[in-house]
Amino acid sequence: MWYEILPSFFIITAGIGIPGWGLYHLHNLSLGNHFRRSMVDRWDRAAYQRDMRLTGNPYNVNGLDSLPDE
């Protein structure tokens, strides 16, 4: 019957979903947040360093209010 496919469906779904779910929590343990910024391009590295320099946390949303008044 049609319900015989359910165990295979759950195994495949778990095999696809668990790595993404695990990385989400692994990044929280290692980086202190749930997201990872890509450092592949030079622009991404410069943006990461800029945000770290301006706010101390590169994962916060940076707007004009985060820039210091001079």
Protein backbone atom coordinates (compact mmCIF):
# COMPACT_ATOMS: atom_id res chain seq x y z
CA MET A 1 0.00 0.00 0.00
CA TRP A 2 0.92 3.65 -0.14
CA TYR A 3 1.95 3.79 3.54
CA GLU A 4 4.86 1.41 2.93
CA ILE A 5 6.83 4.33 1.52
CA LEU A 6 6.63 6.29 4.80
CA PRO A 7 9.68 4.73 6.54
CA SER A 8 11.84 5.44 3.50
CA PHE A 9 10.46 8.96 3.31
CA PHE A 10 11.32 9.66 6.96
CA ILE A 11 14.84 8.23 6.60
CA ILE A 12 15.58 10.35 3.53
CA THR A 13 14.04 13.46 5.11
CA ALA A 14 16.14 12.99 8.25
CA GLY A 15 19.28 12.44 6.16
CA ILE A 16 18.72 15.71 4.35
CA GLY A 17 17.47 17.77 7.31
CA ILE A 18 19.72 16.75 10.21
CA PRO A 19 23.00 18.13 8.76
CA GLY A 20 21.48 21.59 8.27
CA TRP A 21 19.89 21.55 11.69
CA GLY A 22 23.14 20.33 13.25
CA LEU A 23 25.23 23.06 11.60
CA TYR A 24 22.77 25.66 12.86
CA HIS A 25 23.50 24.61 16.45
CA LEU A 26 27.19 23.88 15.85
CA HIS A 27 27.68 27.48 14.71
CA ASN A 28 26.01 28.63 17.92
CA LEU A 29 28.44 26.60 19.99
CA SER A 30 31.58 27.60 18.09
CA LEU A 31 30.80 31.17 16.95
CA GLY A 32 28.30 32.34 19.54
CA ASN A 33 25.51 32.85 17.00
CA HIS A 34 23.43 30.67 14.71
CA PHE A 35 24.69 32.06 11.44
CA ARG A 36 28.01 31.93 9.62
CA ARG A 37 29.32 34.71 7.45
CA SER A 38 31.12 33.65 4.33
CA MET A 39 34.75 34.71 4.06
CA VAL A 40 35.25 33.57 0.48
CA ASP A 41 35.49 36.94 -1.24
CA ARG A 42 37.66 39.91 -0.39
CA TRP A 43 34.54 42.08 -0.11
CA ASP A 44 33.03 39.76 2.51
CA ARG A 45 36.21 39.80 4.60
CA ALA A 46 36.36 43.61 4.42
CA ALA A 47 32.69 43.90 5.45
CA TYR A 48 33.25 41.51 8.36
CA GLN A 49 36.27 43.47 9.60
CA ARG A 50 34.43 46.78 9.15
CA ASP A 51 31.43 45.60 11.15
CA MET A 52 33.70 44.18 13.85
CA ARG A 53 35.59 47.44 14.10
CA LEU A 54 32.48 49.64 14.22
CA THR A 55 30.19 47.69 16.53
CA GLY A 56 32.24 44.90 18.08
CA ASN A 57 29.79 42.31 16.76
CA PRO A 58 29.75 41.64 13.01
CA TYR A 59 26.38 39.88 13.17
CA ASN A 60 24.34 42.84 14.39
CA VAL A 61 22.47 44.90 11.85
CA ASN A 62 24.54 48.01 11.26
CA GLY A 63 22.74 51.20 10.39
CA LEU A 64 23.70 54.84 10.53
CA ASP A 65 23.11 54.87 14.26
CA SER A 66 26.08 52.49 14.73
CA LEU A 67 28.56 55.00 13.27
CA PRO A 68 30.29 57.17 15.84
CA ASP A 69 29.67 60.94 15.71
CA GLU A 70 32.82 62.89 15.03
